[in-house]
Amino acid sequence: MNMMTKTNDLALLQKVSAFLWTEADLLDAKDYDTWLALWLTEGFYTLPIGEGDDFDNQLNLCHDNDRMRRDRIQRFQQGFSISSAPPARTVRTVSRFVIESVEGDTVTVSSAEHVIEDKFGRQRVWAGNMRHTLVASGDGFKIRAKVVRLLNSDGMLNSFSYLF
């Protein structure tokens, strides 16, 4: 994939947006095997607590490498997680896409996410700021990093039976 080096490239913004909407759809559908295939093996999925960026040396809700992502998905799929029995239904909206940087085949994009969770007859709303580091791969992208900063990550949180 030939990438422009401008962060205001509308064609690139459309491709990135479509990729992130597809990711959101996969997560709502609980199509976790397809979601896992979107990742580079060395990628990290992180939900930090607070504002720091040194995820290896700070408290995080999760900071999953490839093995940890696969283990988490296996617990969801096999019902070994108390939080996933029964699994919540979700509808998410991803918007406000801003390409922060383009370096070679690597694109860093920030966006906003709202997740509506329905479980046990009640709905909860979660909001967060996301940052994806994407690497061009064929006609699409692979995820190198996904950081979701929930607005209330340092407040009282319940268990989650899904991914953000």
N, C-alpha and C. Protein backbone atom coordinates (compact mmCIF):
# COMPACT_ATOMS: atom_id res chain seq x y z
N MET A 1 0.85 -1.17 0.00
CA MET A 1 0.00 0.00 0.00
C MET A 1 0.90 1.23 0.00
N ASN A 2 0.68 2.12 -0.94
CA ASN A 2 1.44 3.35 -1.01
C ASN A 2 0.78 4.40 -0.12
N MET A 3 1.48 4.88 0.89
CA MET A 3 0.90 5.81 1.86
C MET A 3 1.38 7.23 1.59
N MET A 4 0.49 8.17 1.75
CA MET A 4 0.84 9.58 1.70
C MET A 4 1.45 9.95 3.04
N THR A 5 2.26 10.96 3.08
CA THR A 5 2.85 11.38 4.35
C THR A 5 2.07 12.51 4.99
N LYS A 6 0.98 12.93 4.38
CA LYS A 6 0.17 14.01 4.93
C LYS A 6 -0.90 13.45 5.85
N THR A 7 -1.10 14.10 6.98
CA THR A 7 -2.12 13.64 7.92
C THR A 7 -3.51 14.10 7.50
N ASN A 8 -3.64 14.91 6.48
CA ASN A 8 -4.96 15.37 6.02
C ASN A 8 -5.37 14.71 4.71
N ASP A 9 -4.83 13.56 4.40
CA ASP A 9 -5.14 12.80 3.20
C ASP A 9 -6.53 12.17 3.38
N LEU A 10 -7.53 12.66 2.64
CA LEU A 10 -8.90 12.19 2.80
C LEU A 10 -9.08 10.73 2.42
N ALA A 11 -8.38 10.26 1.41
CA ALA A 11 -8.49 8.85 1.02
C ALA A 11 -7.97 7.96 2.14
N LEU A 12 -6.87 8.34 2.75
CA LEU A 12 -6.33 7.57 3.86
C LEU A 12 -7.28 7.62 5.05
N LEU A 13 -7.84 8.77 5.33
CA LEU A 13 -8.80 8.91 6.44
C LEU A 13 -10.00 7.99 6.22
N GLN A 14 -10.48 7.90 4.97
CA GLN A 14 -11.60 7.00 4.67
C GLN A 14 -11.22 5.54 4.90
N LYS A 15 -10.02 5.15 4.49
CA LYS A 15 -9.58 3.77 4.68
C LYS A 15 -9.43 3.44 6.16
N VAL A 16 -8.85 4.36 6.91
CA VAL A 16 -8.66 4.16 8.35
C VAL A 16 -10.02 4.08 9.04
N SER A 17 -10.91 4.99 8.72
CA SER A 17 -12.25 5.00 9.32
C SER A 17 -12.98 3.69 9.04
N ALA A 18 -12.95 3.24 7.79
CA ALA A 18 -13.61 1.99 7.42
C ALA A 18 -13.02 0.82 8.20
N PHE A 19 -11.71 0.80 8.37
CA PHE A 19 -11.06 -0.27 9.14
C PHE A 19 -11.53 -0.26 10.59
N LEU A 20 -11.57 0.92 11.21
CA LEU A 20 -11.98 1.00 12.62
C LEU A 20 -13.46 0.71 12.80
N TRP A 21 -14.29 1.06 11.83
CA TRP A 21 -15.71 0.68 11.89
C TRP A 21 -15.86 -0.83 11.78
N THR A 22 -15.05 -1.44 10.92
CA THR A 22 -15.09 -2.90 10.80
C THR A 22 -14.66 -3.55 12.11
N GLU A 23 -13.61 -3.02 12.73
CA GLU A 23 -13.18 -3.56 14.03
C GLU A 23 -14.31 -3.47 15.04
N ALA A 24 -14.98 -2.33 15.11
CA ALA A 24 -16.09 -2.15 16.05
C ALA A 24 -17.21 -3.16 15.77
N ASP A 25 -17.51 -3.38 14.50
CA ASP A 25 -18.55 -4.34 14.14
C ASP A 25 -18.17 -5.75 14.56
N LEU A 26 -16.92 -6.13 14.37
CA LEU A 26 -16.45 -7.45 14.79
C LEU A 26 -16.59 -7.63 16.30
N LEU A 27 -16.26 -6.58 17.06
CA LEU A 27 -16.37 -6.67 18.51
C LEU A 27 -17.82 -6.77 18.95
N ASP A 28 -18.71 -5.99 18.35
CA ASP A 28 -20.13 -6.10 18.70
C ASP A 28 -20.68 -7.48 18.35
N ALA A 29 -20.21 -8.07 17.26
CA ALA A 29 -20.67 -9.39 16.84
C ALA A 29 -19.98 -10.52 17.61
N LYS A 30 -19.03 -10.15 18.47
CA LYS A 30 -18.23 -11.13 19.21
C LYS A 30 -17.50 -12.08 18.26
N ASP A 31 -17.11 -11.57 17.11
CA ASP A 31 -16.34 -12.34 16.14
C ASP A 31 -14.86 -12.19 16.50
N TYR A 32 -14.51 -12.77 17.63
CA TYR A 32 -13.19 -12.55 18.22
C TYR A 32 -12.06 -13.18 17.41
N ASP A 33 -12.31 -14.30 16.76
CA ASP A 33 -11.25 -14.91 15.96
C ASP A 33 -10.86 -14.00 14.79
N THR A 34 -11.85 -13.41 14.14
CA THR A 34 -11.55 -12.47 13.05
C THR A 34 -10.87 -11.22 13.61
N TRP A 35 -11.31 -10.76 14.79
CA TRP A 35 -10.68 -9.60 15.43
C TRP A 35 -9.22 -9.89 15.74
N LEU A 36 -8.92 -11.07 16.26
CA LEU A 36 -7.52 -11.43 16.56
C LEU A 36 -6.67 -11.39 15.30
N ALA A 37 -7.24 -11.76 14.16
CA ALA A 37 -6.50 -11.76 12.90
C ALA A 37 -6.14 -10.36 12.43
N LEU A 38 -6.77 -9.33 12.99
CA LEU A 38 -6.44 -7.95 12.63
C LEU A 38 -5.12 -7.48 13.24
N TRP A 39 -4.58 -8.25 14.18
CA TRP A 39 -3.43 -7.81 14.98
C TRP A 39 -2.10 -8.32 14.44
N LEU A 40 -1.06 -7.49 14.60
CA LEU A 40 0.30 -7.97 14.46
C LEU A 40 0.65 -8.74 15.72
N THR A 41 1.45 -9.77 15.61
CA THR A 41 1.81 -10.59 16.76
C THR A 41 2.41 -9.76 17.88
N GLU A 42 3.21 -8.76 17.55
CA GLU A 42 3.88 -7.94 18.57
C GLU A 42 2.99 -6.84 19.14
N GLY A 43 1.74 -6.78 18.73
CA GLY A 43 0.85 -5.69 19.14
C GLY A 43 0.41 -5.78 20.59
N PHE A 44 -0.01 -4.62 21.12
CA PHE A 44 -0.53 -4.52 22.49
C PHE A 44 -1.89 -3.83 22.50
N TYR A 45 -2.81 -4.41 23.26
CA TYR A 45 -4.14 -3.86 23.53
C TYR A 45 -4.13 -3.38 24.97
N THR A 46 -4.31 -2.06 25.19
CA THR A 46 -4.10 -1.48 26.51
C THR A 46 -5.27 -0.61 26.92
N LEU A 47 -5.72 -0.79 28.16
CA LEU A 47 -6.67 0.10 28.81
C LEU A 47 -5.97 0.65 30.04
N PRO A 48 -5.35 1.82 29.91
CA PRO A 48 -4.58 2.36 31.03
C PRO A 48 -5.48 2.99 32.09
N ILE A 49 -4.93 3.09 33.27
CA ILE A 49 -5.56 3.87 34.34
C ILE A 49 -4.75 5.15 34.44
N GLY A 50 -5.40 6.27 34.35
CA GLY A 50 -4.68 7.53 34.42
C GLY A 50 -4.11 7.95 33.08
N GLU A 51 -3.19 8.90 33.14
CA GLU A 51 -2.74 9.58 31.93
C GLU A 51 -1.39 9.12 31.40
N GLY A 52 -0.64 8.32 32.11
CA GLY A 52 0.71 7.97 31.68
C GLY A 52 0.74 7.16 30.40
N ASP A 53 1.92 7.14 29.76
CA ASP A 53 2.12 6.39 28.53
C ASP A 53 3.15 5.27 28.68
N ASP A 54 3.70 5.08 29.87
CA ASP A 54 4.67 4.02 30.12
C ASP A 54 3.92 2.79 30.58
N PHE A 55 3.21 2.15 29.67
CA PHE A 55 2.26 1.09 30.01
C PHE A 55 2.92 -0.11 30.67
N ASP A 56 4.20 -0.36 30.37
CA ASP A 56 4.89 -1.49 30.99
C ASP A 56 5.16 -1.25 32.47
N ASN A 57 5.15 0.00 32.91
CA ASN A 57 5.52 0.33 34.29
C ASN A 57 4.45 1.13 35.01
N GLN A 58 3.21 0.94 34.64
CA GLN A 58 2.12 1.63 35.32
C GLN A 58 0.95 0.67 35.45
N LEU A 59 -0.01 1.05 36.27
CA LEU A 59 -1.20 0.24 36.47
C LEU A 59 -2.13 0.43 35.28
N ASN A 60 -2.60 -0.69 34.73
CA ASN A 60 -3.51 -0.70 33.59
C ASN A 60 -4.66 -1.65 33.90
N LEU A 61 -5.81 -1.37 33.33
CA LEU A 61 -6.90 -2.33 33.41
C LEU A 61 -6.53 -3.59 32.63
N CYS A 62 -5.86 -3.41 31.52
CA CYS A 62 -5.25 -4.53 30.79
C CYS A 62 -4.14 -3.96 29.92
N HIS A 63 -3.17 -4.80 29.65
CA HIS A 63 -2.05 -4.46 28.76
C HIS A 63 -1.65 -5.78 28.11
N ASP A 64 -2.45 -6.17 27.11
CA ASP A 64 -2.40 -7.52 26.56
C ASP A 64 -1.48 -7.62 25.35
N ASN A 65 -0.52 -8.52 25.45
CA ASN A 65 0.26 -8.90 24.27
C ASN A 65 -0.52 -9.99 23.53
N ASP A 66 0.08 -10.59 22.52
CA ASP A 66 -0.63 -11.57 21.71
C ASP A 66 -1.17 -12.73 22.56
N ARG A 67 -0.35 -13.30 23.40
CA ARG A 67 -0.79 -14.44 24.22
C ARG A 67 -1.92 -14.05 25.16
N MET A 68 -1.79 -12.88 25.78
CA MET A 68 -2.82 -12.44 26.73
C MET A 68 -4.13 -12.13 26.00
N ARG A 69 -4.06 -11.55 24.79
CA ARG A 69 -5.28 -11.31 24.01
C ARG A 69 -5.98 -12.63 23.71
N ARG A 70 -5.20 -13.62 23.28
CA ARG A 70 -5.77 -14.92 22.94
C ARG A 70 -6.34 -15.62 24.17
N ASP A 71 -5.65 -15.51 25.30
CA ASP A 71 -6.17 -16.11 26.55
C ASP A 71 -7.47 -15.44 26.97
N ARG A 72 -7.54 -14.11 26.86
CA ARG A 72 -8.76 -13.38 27.24
C ARG A 72 -9.93 -13.81 26.35
N ILE A 73 -9.67 -13.92 25.05
CA ILE A 73 -10.71 -14.33 24.11
C ILE A 73 -11.15 -15.76 24.41
N GLN A 74 -10.22 -16.63 24.72
CA GLN A 74 -10.56 -18.02 25.04
C GLN A 74 -11.47 -18.06 26.28
N ARG A 75 -11.18 -17.25 27.29
CA ARG A 75 -12.04 -17.21 28.48
C ARG A 75 -13.44 -16.71 28.11
N PHE A 76 -13.52 -15.69 27.26
CA PHE A 76 -14.83 -15.21 26.81
C PHE A 76 -15.59 -16.30 26.07
N GLN A 77 -14.92 -16.97 25.15
CA GLN A 77 -15.58 -17.95 24.30
C GLN A 77 -15.97 -19.22 25.04
N GLN A 78 -15.20 -19.60 26.05
CA GLN A 78 -15.46 -20.85 26.75
C GLN A 78 -16.21 -20.66 28.06
N GLY A 79 -16.50 -19.39 28.42
CA GLY A 79 -17.27 -19.14 29.63
C GLY A 79 -16.48 -19.32 30.91
N PHE A 80 -15.14 -19.28 30.83
CA PHE A 80 -14.32 -19.44 32.03
C PHE A 80 -14.17 -18.15 32.82
N SER A 81 -14.74 -17.08 32.34
CA SER A 81 -14.67 -15.80 33.03
C SER A 81 -16.03 -15.51 33.65
N ILE A 82 -16.07 -15.27 34.96
CA ILE A 82 -17.34 -14.99 35.63
C ILE A 82 -18.03 -13.78 34.99
N SER A 83 -17.23 -12.83 34.50
CA SER A 83 -17.82 -11.64 33.90
C SER A 83 -18.45 -11.92 32.55
N SER A 84 -18.16 -13.08 31.95
CA SER A 84 -18.69 -13.35 30.61
C SER A 84 -19.87 -14.32 30.62
N ALA A 85 -20.41 -14.58 31.77
CA ALA A 85 -21.55 -15.50 31.86
C ALA A 85 -22.75 -14.78 32.45
N PRO A 86 -23.74 -14.43 31.68
CA PRO A 86 -23.79 -14.48 30.23
C PRO A 86 -23.04 -13.30 29.64
N PRO A 87 -22.63 -13.40 28.37
CA PRO A 87 -21.93 -12.27 27.76
C PRO A 87 -22.88 -11.09 27.55
N ALA A 88 -22.35 -9.90 27.71
CA ALA A 88 -23.14 -8.69 27.45
C ALA A 88 -23.29 -8.50 25.95
N ARG A 89 -24.39 -7.88 25.57
CA ARG A 89 -24.55 -7.44 24.18
C ARG A 89 -24.07 -6.00 24.14
N THR A 90 -23.43 -5.62 23.04
CA THR A 90 -22.90 -4.27 22.92
C THR A 90 -23.27 -3.65 21.58
N VAL A 91 -23.36 -2.34 21.59
CA VAL A 91 -23.45 -1.54 20.37
C VAL A 91 -22.47 -0.40 20.57
N ARG A 92 -21.56 -0.26 19.65
CA ARG A 92 -20.54 0.78 19.80
C ARG A 92 -20.57 1.74 18.62
N THR A 93 -20.21 2.95 18.91
CA THR A 93 -20.07 3.99 17.91
C THR A 93 -18.64 4.50 17.99
N VAL A 94 -17.97 4.54 16.86
CA VAL A 94 -16.61 5.06 16.77
C VAL A 94 -16.66 6.26 15.84
N SER A 95 -16.08 7.37 16.29
CA SER A 95 -16.15 8.60 15.50
C SER A 95 -14.95 9.50 15.81
N ARG A 96 -14.99 10.70 15.26
CA ARG A 96 -13.97 11.74 15.49
C ARG A 96 -12.57 11.25 15.14
N PHE A 97 -12.42 10.73 13.94
CA PHE A 97 -11.14 10.19 13.48
C PHE A 97 -10.18 11.33 13.15
N VAL A 98 -8.99 11.27 13.72
CA VAL A 98 -7.95 12.25 13.43
C VAL A 98 -6.65 11.49 13.18
N ILE A 99 -6.12 11.63 12.00
CA ILE A 99 -4.82 11.01 11.72
C ILE A 99 -3.76 11.90 12.35
N GLU A 100 -3.06 11.33 13.32
CA GLU A 100 -2.04 12.09 14.06
C GLU A 100 -0.70 12.09 13.36
N SER A 101 -0.35 10.94 12.76
CA SER A 101 0.93 10.88 12.06
C SER A 101 0.91 9.75 11.05
N VAL A 102 1.75 9.92 10.03
CA VAL A 102 1.98 8.88 9.03
C VAL A 102 3.49 8.81 8.86
N GLU A 103 4.04 7.65 9.17
CA GLU A 103 5.49 7.44 9.01
C GLU A 103 5.69 6.15 8.24
N GLY A 104 6.05 6.27 6.97
CA GLY A 104 6.17 5.09 6.13
C GLY A 104 4.83 4.41 6.01
N ASP A 105 4.75 3.14 6.40
CA ASP A 105 3.50 2.39 6.33
C ASP A 105 2.74 2.39 7.66
N THR A 106 3.15 3.22 8.60
CA THR A 106 2.53 3.26 9.93
C THR A 106 1.69 4.52 10.08
N VAL A 107 0.44 4.31 10.49
CA VAL A 107 -0.51 5.41 10.68
C VAL A 107 -0.96 5.39 12.13
N THR A 108 -0.88 6.54 12.79
CA THR A 108 -1.41 6.69 14.14
C THR A 108 -2.66 7.53 14.05
N VAL A 109 -3.76 7.00 14.57
CA VAL A 109 -5.05 7.68 14.47
C VAL A 109 -5.72 7.70 15.84
N SER A 110 -6.31 8.83 16.18
CA SER A 110 -7.10 8.92 17.41
C SER A 110 -8.57 9.00 17.02
N SER A 111 -9.42 8.54 17.95
CA SER A 111 -10.86 8.56 17.71
C SER A 111 -11.58 8.50 19.05
N ALA A 112 -12.89 8.63 18.99
CA ALA A 112 -13.73 8.53 20.19
C ALA A 112 -14.59 7.29 20.06
N GLU A 113 -14.91 6.69 21.19
CA GLU A 113 -15.75 5.50 21.20
C GLU A 113 -16.78 5.60 22.31
N HIS A 114 -18.01 5.24 21.96
CA HIS A 114 -19.08 5.04 22.94
C HIS A 114 -19.52 3.59 22.84
N VAL A 115 -19.60 2.92 23.97
CA VAL A 115 -20.05 1.53 24.00
C VAL A 115 -21.29 1.48 24.89
N ILE A 116 -22.37 0.97 24.33
CA ILE A 116 -23.58 0.70 25.10
C ILE A 116 -23.57 -0.79 25.41
N GLU A 117 -23.63 -1.11 26.68
CA GLU A 117 -23.64 -2.50 27.14
C GLU A 117 -25.02 -2.84 27.65
N ASP A 118 -25.54 -3.98 27.24
CA ASP A 118 -26.82 -4.46 27.76
C ASP A 118 -26.56 -5.82 28.40
N LYS A 119 -26.84 -5.90 29.70
CA LYS A 119 -26.64 -7.16 30.43
C LYS A 119 -27.57 -7.17 31.62
N PHE A 120 -28.20 -8.29 31.85
CA PHE A 120 -29.12 -8.46 32.97
C PHE A 120 -30.25 -7.43 32.96
N GLY A 121 -30.68 -7.03 31.75
CA GLY A 121 -31.78 -6.11 31.63
C GLY A 121 -31.45 -4.66 31.94
N ARG A 122 -30.18 -4.33 32.05
CA ARG A 122 -29.79 -2.94 32.28
C ARG A 122 -28.75 -2.52 31.25
N GLN A 123 -28.75 -1.24 30.97
CA GLN A 123 -27.78 -0.71 30.02
C GLN A 123 -26.81 0.22 30.72
N ARG A 124 -25.55 0.12 30.32
CA ARG A 124 -24.51 1.05 30.80
C ARG A 124 -23.83 1.66 29.59
N VAL A 125 -23.34 2.86 29.77
CA VAL A 125 -22.66 3.59 28.70
C VAL A 125 -21.21 3.82 29.12
N TRP A 126 -20.30 3.50 28.21
CA TRP A 126 -18.89 3.74 28.42
C TRP A 126 -18.39 4.65 27.31
N ALA A 127 -17.54 5.58 27.65
CA ALA A 127 -16.96 6.48 26.65
C ALA A 127 -15.45 6.49 26.83
N GLY A 128 -14.76 6.57 25.73
CA GLY A 128 -13.31 6.59 25.80
C GLY A 128 -12.69 7.22 24.57
N ASN A 129 -11.45 7.62 24.76
CA ASN A 129 -10.62 8.10 23.67
C ASN A 129 -9.71 6.95 23.25
N MET A 130 -9.65 6.70 21.96
CA MET A 130 -8.83 5.59 21.45
C MET A 130 -7.68 6.13 20.62
N ARG A 131 -6.60 5.38 20.63
CA ARG A 131 -5.48 5.65 19.72
C ARG A 131 -5.03 4.30 19.17
N HIS A 132 -5.08 4.20 17.86
CA HIS A 132 -4.61 3.00 17.16
C HIS A 132 -3.32 3.32 16.44
N THR A 133 -2.39 2.40 16.48
CA THR A 133 -1.23 2.44 15.61
C THR A 133 -1.43 1.31 14.62
N LEU A 134 -1.61 1.68 13.36
CA LEU A 134 -1.92 0.74 12.29
C LEU A 134 -0.75 0.64 11.32
N VAL A 135 -0.55 -0.55 10.79
CA VAL A 135 0.50 -0.77 9.80
C VAL A 135 -0.17 -1.26 8.53
N ALA A 136 0.14 -0.62 7.40
CA ALA A 136 -0.44 -1.03 6.13
C ALA A 136 -0.06 -2.47 5.83
N SER A 137 -1.06 -3.23 5.37
CA SER A 137 -0.85 -4.65 5.09
C SER A 137 -1.78 -5.04 3.94
N GLY A 138 -1.21 -5.31 2.79
CA GLY A 138 -2.04 -5.61 1.62
C GLY A 138 -2.91 -4.42 1.29
N ASP A 139 -4.23 -4.65 1.19
CA ASP A 139 -5.17 -3.56 0.92
C ASP A 139 -5.73 -2.95 2.19
N GLY A 140 -5.27 -3.39 3.34
CA GLY A 140 -5.82 -2.90 4.60
C GLY A 140 -4.76 -2.59 5.62
N PHE A 141 -5.06 -2.90 6.87
CA PHE A 141 -4.17 -2.58 7.97
C PHE A 141 -4.10 -3.74 8.94
N LYS A 142 -3.06 -3.73 9.75
CA LYS A 142 -2.93 -4.59 10.93
C LYS A 142 -2.72 -3.65 12.12
N ILE A 143 -3.18 -4.08 13.28
CA ILE A 143 -3.07 -3.26 14.49
C ILE A 143 -1.77 -3.57 15.21
N ARG A 144 -0.95 -2.55 15.44
CA ARG A 144 0.26 -2.69 16.24
C ARG A 144 -0.03 -2.32 17.70
N ALA A 145 -0.90 -1.35 17.88
CA ALA A 145 -1.24 -0.94 19.24
C ALA A 145 -2.64 -0.34 19.24
N LYS A 146 -3.37 -0.63 20.32
CA LYS A 146 -4.67 -0.02 20.55
C LYS A 146 -4.71 0.38 22.01
N VAL A 147 -4.90 1.67 22.25
CA VAL A 147 -4.99 2.19 23.60
C VAL A 147 -6.36 2.84 23.75
N VAL A 148 -7.13 2.37 24.72
CA VAL A 148 -8.45 2.93 24.99
C VAL A 148 -8.41 3.55 26.37
N ARG A 149 -8.58 4.86 26.42
CA ARG A 149 -8.60 5.58 27.70
C ARG A 149 -10.05 5.86 28.07
N LEU A 150 -10.60 4.99 28.91
CA LEU A 150 -11.96 5.20 29.38
C LEU A 150 -12.01 6.48 30.21
N LEU A 151 -13.09 7.24 30.07
CA LEU A 151 -13.19 8.50 30.79
C LEU A 151 -13.13 8.31 32.30
N ASN A 152 -13.65 7.20 32.78
CA ASN A 152 -13.67 6.96 34.22
C ASN A 152 -12.74 5.82 34.63
N SER A 153 -11.62 5.68 33.95
CA SER A 153 -10.72 4.54 34.21
C SER A 153 -10.17 4.54 35.63
N ASP A 154 -10.12 5.69 36.27
CA ASP A 154 -9.61 5.74 37.64
C ASP A 154 -10.75 5.76 38.66
N GLY A 155 -11.96 5.54 38.21
CA GLY A 155 -13.12 5.50 39.10
C GLY A 155 -13.56 4.08 39.36
N MET A 156 -14.79 3.93 39.80
CA MET A 156 -15.33 2.60 40.10
C MET A 156 -15.76 1.93 38.80
N LEU A 157 -15.17 0.78 38.51
CA LEU A 157 -15.49 0.05 37.30
C LEU A 157 -15.99 -1.33 37.67
N ASN A 158 -16.92 -1.83 36.87
CA ASN A 158 -17.40 -3.21 37.05
C ASN A 158 -16.63 -4.11 36.11
N SER A 159 -16.85 -5.39 36.21
CA SER A 159 -16.18 -6.32 35.30
C SER A 159 -16.75 -6.15 33.89
N PHE A 160 -15.94 -6.48 32.92
CA PHE A 160 -16.34 -6.37 31.52
C PHE A 160 -16.34 -7.75 30.90
N SER A 161 -17.34 -8.03 30.10
CA SER A 161 -17.41 -9.31 29.39
C SER A 161 -17.21 -9.10 27.89
N TYR A 162 -16.45 -8.08 27.55
CA TYR A 162 -16.20 -7.73 26.14
C TYR A 162 -14.97 -6.86 26.09
N LEU A 163 -14.57 -6.52 24.89
CA LEU A 163 -13.41 -5.67 24.66
C LEU A 163 -13.87 -4.30 24.21
N PHE A 164 -13.05 -3.30 24.44
CA PHE A 164 -13.35 -1.93 23.99
C PHE A 164 -12.67 -1.65 22.67
